[in-house]
Amino acid sequence: MTRILTDSDRAEAKRIRGLIDAAKSAISDYKAPALTVATRQEPDSTPDDTYLALVCPWCGDDLDQDGGVVSVDMSDERWTYGQTDVDDQCVAFDYASHADYHGIFYQTACCELPVDLPEGWDEN
């Protein structure tokens, strides 16, 4: 026997959908702190042996180049891990499997908190 949903069921579903929409709006409006670029030196190396790293503003950790920055699409709860290129000042995401993908915010893989790209950076 099929259960017929009530007006109360419908109201609860609409309330939950409203919470999702409100969360998307709040995330989109939030001014996340920007990642920073820092010069690092390899341990036990010469002072000239340096590299650039993206740094999480929440914990101060250097981000992995593969997967350290995440683009989150709340519409379908799809997460795509990006590959950073500090020299070219960009983060590349492969959306090949997500033709209709639209990320609404970035977060770090380490803290799972919202971040913005450093000034002058863009998504590739």
Foldseek 3Di string as FASTA:
>chain_A
DDDDDDPVNVVVVVVVVVVLVVVLVVLLPDAAAEWDKDWDADPPDDPVRIDIFTADPPPRDTADQWQQKWFAASVVRDIWGWGDDVVVQETETDCVVPPPDDGRFMDGPVPRDTHDYPPPYYYD
